[in-house]
Every structure is written in structure tokens, then in C-alpha cells.
Amino acid sequence: MMAILVDVHPSSEGGLMNVFHAPSGSHTEMAEMVRKLWEGSGTILVRVCNTREQAFAILGGMRNDLLAHIKTFREGLSF
């Protein structure tokens, strides 16, 4: 999926930022692997945050639309 970003979002359109909320452990490890893939790309910036507050600070503040999306996504997951 991440590889498709290069085709969908060409560098002529400017930069693209992805913010991952990865609290700890395997979540953080996985997010860091993705971040390292894009290091030095010049067009795609990946930030990994340990807290939701850090992620929303990067995005410019609390976003109720994203919170609703996250809640819907979590409700659809079955473990």
C-alpha cells in the first residue's frame, strides 16, 4: 500500500505527511520500519508518535472527524 503512494501522490504535488500513533512495542517497531522506508524521499514525511496528543499536535490540534473514524475502525476489528 505504501508503495502506491509514489504513483498516487507525485512529487510535483508537494509533500505528503503520514502520522502514526504507535503507543509501544510492536506498534512502534512497525511504524518505525515504515518511517525508515521513506527516509530521504524528499516528498513523503512519516512521523511516529507514542501518544495520541503528540499525533494531534502534529496535525494541528484535536480532530473530532479523525476520532470518529478511529472509533468506527476499532469497532470493526475483531480480535
PDB file of N, CA and C in Angstrom:
ATOM      1  N   MET A   1       0.813  -1.190   0.000  1.00  0.00           N
ATOM      2  CA  MET A   1       0.000   0.000   0.000  1.00  0.00           C
ATOM      3  C   MET A   1       0.860   1.258   0.000  1.00  0.00           C
ATOM      4  N   MET A   2       1.926   1.274   0.804  1.00  0.00           N
ATOM      5  CA  MET A   2       2.768   2.454   0.873  1.00  0.00           C
ATOM      6  C   MET A   2       3.457   2.724  -0.469  1.00  0.00           C
ATOM      7  N   ALA A   3       3.790   1.676  -1.200  1.00  0.00           N
ATOM      8  CA  ALA A   3       4.457   1.850  -2.492  1.00  0.00           C
ATOM      9  C   ALA A   3       3.560   2.562  -3.490  1.00  0.00           C
ATOM     10  N   ILE A   4       2.272   2.404  -3.364  1.00  0.00           N
ATOM     11  CA  ILE A   4       1.314   3.042  -4.264  1.00  0.00           C
ATOM     12  C   ILE A   4       1.323   4.558  -4.080  1.00  0.00           C
ATOM     13  N   LEU A   5       1.730   5.039  -2.897  1.00  0.00           N
ATOM     14  CA  LEU A   5       1.751   6.472  -2.640  1.00  0.00           C
ATOM     15  C   LEU A   5       2.574   7.232  -3.665  1.00  0.00           C
ATOM     16  N   VAL A   6       3.651   6.655  -4.123  1.00  0.00           N
ATOM     17  CA  VAL A   6       4.511   7.317  -5.099  1.00  0.00           C
ATOM     18  C   VAL A   6       3.744   7.572  -6.389  1.00  0.00           C
ATOM     19  N   ASP A   7       2.895   6.625  -6.801  1.00  0.00           N
ATOM     20  CA  ASP A   7       2.109   6.785  -8.019  1.00  0.00           C
ATOM     21  C   ASP A   7       0.919   7.712  -7.810  1.00  0.00           C
ATOM     22  N   VAL A   8       0.281   7.594  -6.670  1.00  0.00           N
ATOM     23  CA  VAL A   8      -0.925   8.374  -6.387  1.00  0.00           C
ATOM     24  C   VAL A   8      -0.594   9.819  -6.066  1.00  0.00           C
ATOM     25  N   HIS A   9       0.529  10.043  -5.417  1.00  0.00           N
ATOM     26  CA  HIS A   9       0.899  11.389  -4.978  1.00  0.00           C
ATOM     27  C   HIS A   9       2.260  11.764  -5.572  1.00  0.00           C
ATOM     28  N   PRO A  10       2.271  12.248  -6.808  1.00  0.00           N
ATOM     29  CA  PRO A  10       3.544  12.587  -7.448  1.00  0.00           C
ATOM     30  C   PRO A  10       4.242  13.747  -6.751  1.00  0.00           C
ATOM     31  N   SER A  11       5.567  13.780  -6.826  1.00  0.00           N
ATOM     32  CA  SER A  11       6.344  14.813  -6.141  1.00  0.00           C
ATOM     33  C   SER A  11       6.000  16.211  -6.624  1.00  0.00           C
ATOM     34  N   SER A  12       5.475  16.343  -7.823  1.00  0.00           N
ATOM     35  CA  SER A  12       5.104  17.662  -8.332  1.00  0.00           C
ATOM     36  C   SER A  12       3.947  18.276  -7.556  1.00  0.00           C
ATOM     37  N   GLU A  13       3.229  17.462  -6.797  1.00  0.00           N
ATOM     38  CA  GLU A  13       2.100  17.941  -5.996  1.00  0.00           C
ATOM     39  C   GLU A  13       2.529  18.457  -4.631  1.00  0.00           C
ATOM     40  N   GLY A  14       3.807  18.343  -4.300  1.00  0.00           N
ATOM     41  CA  GLY A  14       4.288  18.774  -2.986  1.00  0.00           C
ATOM     42  C   GLY A  14       4.482  17.573  -2.081  1.00  0.00           C
ATOM     43  N   GLY A  15       4.686  17.851  -0.804  1.00  0.00           N
ATOM     44  CA  GLY A  15       4.960  16.787   0.149  1.00  0.00           C
ATOM     45  C   GLY A  15       3.710  16.137   0.711  1.00  0.00           C
ATOM     46  N   LEU A  16       3.907  14.980   1.281  1.00  0.00           N
ATOM     47  CA  LEU A  16       2.831  14.232   1.928  1.00  0.00           C
ATOM     48  C   LEU A  16       3.331  13.798   3.293  1.00  0.00           C
ATOM     49  N   MET A  17       2.528  14.022   4.325  1.00  0.00           N
ATOM     50  CA  MET A  17       2.925  13.633   5.664  1.00  0.00           C
ATOM     51  C   MET A  17       1.985  12.551   6.198  1.00  0.00           C
ATOM     52  N   ASN A  18       2.574  11.514   6.762  1.00  0.00           N
ATOM     53  CA  ASN A  18       1.827  10.450   7.435  1.00  0.00           C
ATOM     54  C   ASN A  18       2.187  10.504   8.904  1.00  0.00           C
ATOM     55  N   VAL A  19       1.174  10.477   9.760  1.00  0.00           N
ATOM     56  CA  VAL A  19       1.397  10.489  11.197  1.00  0.00           C
ATOM     57  C   VAL A  19       0.837   9.191  11.764  1.00  0.00           C
ATOM     58  N   PHE A  20       1.711   8.431  12.427  1.00  0.00           N
ATOM     59  CA  PHE A  20       1.311   7.161  13.023  1.00  0.00           C
ATOM     60  C   PHE A  20       1.257   7.296  14.535  1.00  0.00           C
ATOM     61  N   HIS A  21       0.157   6.852  15.126  1.00  0.00           N
ATOM     62  CA  HIS A  21       0.059   6.744  16.577  1.00  0.00           C
ATOM     63  C   HIS A  21       0.427   5.311  16.912  1.00  0.00           C
ATOM     64  N   ALA A  22       1.608   5.145  17.478  1.00  0.00           N
ATOM     65  CA  ALA A  22       2.130   3.815  17.790  1.00  0.00           C
ATOM     66  C   ALA A  22       2.572   3.812  19.252  1.00  0.00           C
ATOM     67  N   PRO A  23       1.671   3.419  20.153  1.00  0.00           N
ATOM     68  CA  PRO A  23       1.924   3.542  21.589  1.00  0.00           C
ATOM     69  C   PRO A  23       3.185   2.855  22.109  1.00  0.00           C
ATOM     70  N   SER A  24       3.427   1.633  21.709  1.00  0.00           N
ATOM     71  CA  SER A  24       4.603   0.939  22.255  1.00  0.00           C
ATOM     72  C   SER A  24       4.804  -0.403  21.564  1.00  0.00           C
ATOM     73  N   GLY A  25       5.914  -1.031  21.896  1.00  0.00           N
ATOM     74  CA  GLY A  25       6.191  -2.393  21.458  1.00  0.00           C
ATOM     75  C   GLY A  25       6.140  -2.598  19.962  1.00  0.00           C
ATOM     76  N   SER A  26       5.400  -3.611  19.543  1.00  0.00           N
ATOM     77  CA  SER A  26       5.353  -3.977  18.129  1.00  0.00           C
ATOM     78  C   SER A  26       4.733  -2.880  17.273  1.00  0.00           C
ATOM     79  N   HIS A  27       3.824  -2.087  17.854  1.00  0.00           N
ATOM     80  CA  HIS A  27       3.231  -0.976  17.105  1.00  0.00           C
ATOM     81  C   HIS A  27       4.316   0.018  16.701  1.00  0.00           C
ATOM     82  N   THR A  28       5.158   0.374  17.654  1.00  0.00           N
ATOM     83  CA  THR A  28       6.232   1.326  17.391  1.00  0.00           C
ATOM     84  C   THR A  28       7.249   0.746  16.420  1.00  0.00           C
ATOM     85  N   GLU A  29       7.600  -0.519  16.607  1.00  0.00           N
ATOM     86  CA  GLU A  29       8.563  -1.162  15.712  1.00  0.00           C
ATOM     87  C   GLU A  29       8.072  -1.144  14.269  1.00  0.00           C
ATOM     88  N   MET A  30       6.814  -1.457  14.074  1.00  0.00           N
ATOM     89  CA  MET A  30       6.237  -1.487  12.736  1.00  0.00           C
ATOM     90  C   MET A  30       6.204  -0.086  12.128  1.00  0.00           C
ATOM     91  N   ALA A  31       5.787   0.894  12.908  1.00  0.00           N
ATOM     92  CA  ALA A  31       5.732   2.272  12.414  1.00  0.00           C
ATOM     93  C   ALA A  31       7.128   2.780  12.070  1.00  0.00           C
ATOM     94  N   GLU A  32       8.120   2.421  12.862  1.00  0.00           N
ATOM     95  CA  GLU A  32       9.497   2.832  12.585  1.00  0.00           C
ATOM     96  C   GLU A  32      10.025   2.188  11.304  1.00  0.00           C
ATOM     97  N   MET A  33       9.616   0.955  11.034  1.00  0.00           N
ATOM     98  CA  MET A  33      10.020   0.303   9.783  1.00  0.00           C
ATOM     99  C   MET A  33       9.478   1.082   8.586  1.00  0.00           C
ATOM    100  N   VAL A  34       8.221   1.504   8.678  1.00  0.00           N
ATOM    101  CA  VAL A  34       7.614   2.282   7.596  1.00  0.00           C
ATOM    102  C   VAL A  34       8.324   3.631   7.466  1.00  0.00           C
ATOM    103  N   ARG A  35       8.599   4.276   8.599  1.00  0.00           N
ATOM    104  CA  ARG A  35       9.277   5.573   8.570  1.00  0.00           C
ATOM    105  C   ARG A  35      10.631   5.467   7.876  1.00  0.00           C
ATOM    106  N   LYS A  36      11.379   4.430   8.204  1.00  0.00           N
ATOM    107  CA  LYS A  36      12.711   4.251   7.622  1.00  0.00           C
ATOM    108  C   LYS A  36      12.653   4.022   6.115  1.00  0.00           C
ATOM    109  N   LEU A  37      11.578   3.393   5.634  1.00  0.00           N
ATOM    110  CA  LEU A  37      11.423   3.180   4.193  1.00  0.00           C
ATOM    111  C   LEU A  37      11.391   4.500   3.430  1.00  0.00           C
ATOM    112  N   TRP A  38      10.837   5.537   4.060  1.00  0.00           N
ATOM    113  CA  TRP A  38      10.650   6.813   3.383  1.00  0.00           C
ATOM    114  C   TRP A  38      11.701   7.849   3.728  1.00  0.00           C
ATOM    115  N   GLU A  39      12.668   7.516   4.581  1.00  0.00           N
ATOM    116  CA  GLU A  39      13.730   8.461   4.921  1.00  0.00           C
ATOM    117  C   GLU A  39      14.432   8.937   3.665  1.00  0.00           C
ATOM    118  N   GLY A  40      14.610  10.222   3.548  1.00  0.00           N
ATOM    119  CA  GLY A  40      15.330  10.775   2.419  1.00  0.00           C
ATOM    120  C   GLY A  40      14.549  10.852   1.126  1.00  0.00           C
ATOM    121  N   SER A  41      13.246  10.542   1.150  1.00  0.00           N
ATOM    122  CA  SER A  41      12.466  10.578  -0.094  1.00  0.00           C
ATOM    123  C   SER A  41      12.281  12.001  -0.595  1.00  0.00           C
ATOM    124  N   GLY A  42      12.265  12.969   0.309  1.00  0.00           N
ATOM    125  CA  GLY A  42      12.082  14.352  -0.101  1.00  0.00           C
ATOM    126  C   GLY A  42      10.639  14.766  -0.312  1.00  0.00           C
ATOM    127  N   THR A  43       9.752  13.806  -0.479  1.00  0.00           N
ATOM    128  CA  THR A  43       8.344  14.151  -0.696  1.00  0.00           C
ATOM    129  C   THR A  43       7.399  13.523   0.320  1.00  0.00           C
ATOM    130  N   ILE A  44       7.811  12.437   0.938  1.00  0.00           N
ATOM    131  CA  ILE A  44       6.943  11.759   1.902  1.00  0.00           C
ATOM    132  C   ILE A  44       7.606  11.785   3.267  1.00  0.00           C
ATOM    133  N   LEU A  45       6.905  12.374   4.218  1.00  0.00           N
ATOM    134  CA  LEU A  45       7.405  12.529   5.582  1.00  0.00           C
ATOM    135  C   LEU A  45       6.559  11.662   6.507  1.00  0.00           C
ATOM    136  N   VAL A  46       7.205  10.852   7.313  1.00  0.00           N
ATOM    137  CA  VAL A  46       6.493   9.983   8.253  1.00  0.00           C
ATOM    138  C   VAL A  46       6.915  10.352   9.666  1.00  0.00           C
ATOM    139  N   ARG A  47       5.932  10.569  10.515  1.00  0.00           N
ATOM    140  CA  ARG A  47       6.169  10.855  11.924  1.00  0.00           C
ATOM    141  C   ARG A  47       5.512   9.769  12.763  1.00  0.00           C
ATOM    142  N   VAL A  48       6.243   9.299  13.776  1.00  0.00           N
ATOM    143  CA  VAL A  48       5.745   8.266  14.678  1.00  0.00           C
ATOM    144  C   VAL A  48       5.575   8.893  16.058  1.00  0.00           C
ATOM    145  N   CYS A  49       4.389   8.783  16.613  1.00  0.00           N
ATOM    146  CA  CYS A  49       4.072   9.383  17.910  1.00  0.00           C
ATOM    147  C   CYS A  49       3.660   8.306  18.902  1.00  0.00           C
ATOM    148  N   ASN A  50       4.128   8.456  20.139  1.00  0.00           N
ATOM    149  CA  ASN A  50       3.778   7.490  21.186  1.00  0.00           C
ATOM    150  C   ASN A  50       2.437   7.781  21.831  1.00  0.00           C
ATOM    151  N   THR A  51       1.977   9.022  21.733  1.00  0.00           N
ATOM    152  CA  THR A  51       0.688   9.369  22.336  1.00  0.00           C
ATOM    153  C   THR A  51      -0.227   9.990  21.285  1.00  0.00           C
ATOM    154  N   ARG A  52      -1.497   9.877  21.541  1.00  0.00           N
ATOM    155  CA  ARG A  52      -2.485  10.478  20.654  1.00  0.00           C
ATOM    156  C   ARG A  52      -2.326  12.002  20.650  1.00  0.00           C
ATOM    157  N   GLU A  53      -1.986  12.559  21.808  1.00  0.00           N
ATOM    158  CA  GLU A  53      -1.803  14.003  21.925  1.00  0.00           C
ATOM    159  C   GLU A  53      -0.670  14.491  21.018  1.00  0.00           C
ATOM    160  N   GLN A  54       0.432  13.725  20.969  1.00  0.00           N
ATOM    161  CA  GLN A  54       1.544  14.086  20.078  1.00  0.00           C
ATOM    162  C   GLN A  54       1.094  14.080  18.623  1.00  0.00           C
ATOM    163  N   ALA A  55       0.349  13.059  18.259  1.00  0.00           N
ATOM    164  CA  ALA A  55      -0.121  12.944  16.872  1.00  0.00           C
ATOM    165  C   ALA A  55      -1.027  14.118  16.516  1.00  0.00           C
ATOM    166  N   PHE A  56      -1.963  14.450  17.393  1.00  0.00           N
ATOM    167  CA  PHE A  56      -2.865  15.564  17.105  1.00  0.00           C
ATOM    168  C   PHE A  56      -2.139  16.908  17.116  1.00  0.00           C
ATOM    169  N   ALA A  57      -1.095  17.039  17.914  1.00  0.00           N
ATOM    170  CA  ALA A  57      -0.307  18.272  17.905  1.00  0.00           C
ATOM    171  C   ALA A  57       0.339  18.471  16.536  1.00  0.00           C
ATOM    172  N   ILE A  58       0.849  17.396  15.946  1.00  0.00           N
ATOM    173  CA  ILE A  58       1.442  17.483  14.607  1.00  0.00           C
ATOM    174  C   ILE A  58       0.374  17.834  13.576  1.00  0.00           C
ATOM    175  N   LEU A  59      -0.813  17.293  13.758  1.00  0.00           N
ATOM    176  CA  LEU A  59      -1.900  17.539  12.806  1.00  0.00           C
ATOM    177  C   LEU A  59      -2.573  18.889  13.014  1.00  0.00           C
ATOM    178  N   GLY A  60      -2.171  19.610  14.061  1.00  0.00           N
ATOM    179  CA  GLY A  60      -2.722  20.947  14.273  1.00  0.00           C
ATOM    180  C   GLY A  60      -3.827  21.017  15.302  1.00  0.00           C
ATOM    181  N   GLY A  61      -3.950  20.013  16.131  1.00  0.00           N
ATOM    182  CA  GLY A  61      -4.960  20.028  17.190  1.00  0.00           C
ATOM    183  C   GLY A  61      -5.897  18.845  17.108  1.00  0.00           C
ATOM    184  N   MET A  62      -6.758  18.751  18.105  1.00  0.00           N
ATOM    185  CA  MET A  62      -7.724  17.653  18.201  1.00  0.00           C
ATOM    186  C   MET A  62      -8.652  17.677  16.997  1.00  0.00           C
ATOM    187  N   ARG A  63      -8.862  16.525  16.408  1.00  0.00           N
ATOM    188  CA  ARG A  63      -9.706  16.417  15.213  1.00  0.00           C
ATOM    189  C   ARG A  63     -10.827  15.426  15.487  1.00  0.00           C
ATOM    190  N   ASN A  64     -12.031  15.944  15.725  1.00  0.00           N
ATOM    191  CA  ASN A  64     -13.166  15.074  16.025  1.00  0.00           C
ATOM    192  C   ASN A  64     -13.509  14.155  14.860  1.00  0.00           C
ATOM    193  N   ASP A  65     -13.280  14.611  13.620  1.00  0.00           N
ATOM    194  CA  ASP A  65     -13.569  13.754  12.474  1.00  0.00           C
ATOM    195  C   ASP A  65     -12.657  12.531  12.465  1.00  0.00           C
ATOM    196  N   LEU A  66     -11.391  12.727  12.845  1.00  0.00           N
ATOM    197  CA  LEU A  66     -10.473  11.586  12.911  1.00  0.00           C
ATOM    198  C   LEU A  66     -10.802  10.672  14.078  1.00  0.00           C
ATOM    199  N   LEU A  67     -11.190  11.248  15.203  1.00  0.00           N
ATOM    200  CA  LEU A  67     -11.573  10.430  16.359  1.00  0.00           C
ATOM    201  C   LEU A  67     -12.764   9.542  16.017  1.00  0.00           C
ATOM    202  N   ALA A  68     -13.735  10.084  15.296  1.00  0.00           N
ATOM    203  CA  ALA A  68     -14.905   9.292  14.892  1.00  0.00           C
ATOM    204  C   ALA A  68     -14.479   8.171  13.947  1.00  0.00           C
ATOM    205  N   HIS A  69     -13.562   8.466  13.044  1.00  0.00           N
ATOM    206  CA  HIS A  69     -13.057   7.449  12.109  1.00  0.00           C
ATOM    207  C   HIS A  69     -12.327   6.338  12.862  1.00  0.00           C
ATOM    208  N   ILE A  70     -11.495   6.714  13.818  1.00  0.00           N
ATOM    209  CA  ILE A  70     -10.760   5.728  14.615  1.00  0.00           C
ATOM    210  C   ILE A  70     -11.726   4.840  15.387  1.00  0.00           C
ATOM    211  N   LYS A  71     -12.738   5.452  15.975  1.00  0.00           N
ATOM    212  CA  LYS A  71     -13.721   4.682  16.744  1.00  0.00           C
ATOM    213  C   LYS A  71     -14.444   3.677  15.840  1.00  0.00           C
ATOM    214  N   THR A  72     -14.852   4.109  14.660  1.00  0.00           N
ATOM    215  CA  THR A  72     -15.532   3.222  13.718  1.00  0.00           C
ATOM    216  C   THR A  72     -14.621   2.079  13.293  1.00  0.00           C
ATOM    217  N   PHE A  73     -13.354   2.400  13.041  1.00  0.00           N
ATOM    218  CA  PHE A  73     -12.390   1.382  12.631  1.00  0.00           C
ATOM    219  C   PHE A  73     -12.206   0.352  13.733  1.00  0.00           C
ATOM    220  N   ARG A  74     -12.039   0.807  14.974  1.00  0.00           N
ATOM    221  CA  ARG A  74     -11.830  -0.119  16.098  1.00  0.00           C
ATOM    222  C   ARG A  74     -13.037  -1.006  16.324  1.00  0.00           C
ATOM    223  N   GLU A  75     -14.232  -0.459  16.155  1.00  0.00           N
ATOM    224  CA  GLU A  75     -15.443  -1.256  16.331  1.00  0.00           C
ATOM    225  C   GLU A  75     -15.549  -2.359  15.283  1.00  0.00           C
ATOM    226  N   GLY A  76     -14.954  -2.125  14.106  1.00  0.00           N
ATOM    227  CA  GLY A  76     -14.996  -3.115  13.026  1.00  0.00           C
ATOM    228  C   GLY A  76     -13.962  -4.210  13.163  1.00  0.00           C
ATOM    229  N   LEU A  77     -12.985  -4.002  14.065  1.00  0.00           N
ATOM    230  CA  LEU A  77     -11.943  -5.010  14.247  1.00  0.00           C
ATOM    231  C   LEU A  77     -12.445  -6.153  15.123  1.00  0.00           C
ATOM    232  N   SER A  78     -12.033  -7.337  14.791  1.00  0.00           N
ATOM    233  CA  SER A  78     -12.388  -8.471  15.642  1.00  0.00           C
ATOM    234  C   SER A  78     -11.089  -9.203  15.999  1.00  0.00           C
ATOM    235  N   PHE A  79     -10.841  -9.329  17.274  1.00  0.00           N
ATOM    236  CA  PHE A  79      -9.627  -9.998  17.750  1.00  0.00           C
ATOM    237  C   PHE A  79      -9.940 -11.341  18.300  1.00  0.00           C
TER     238      PHE A  79
END
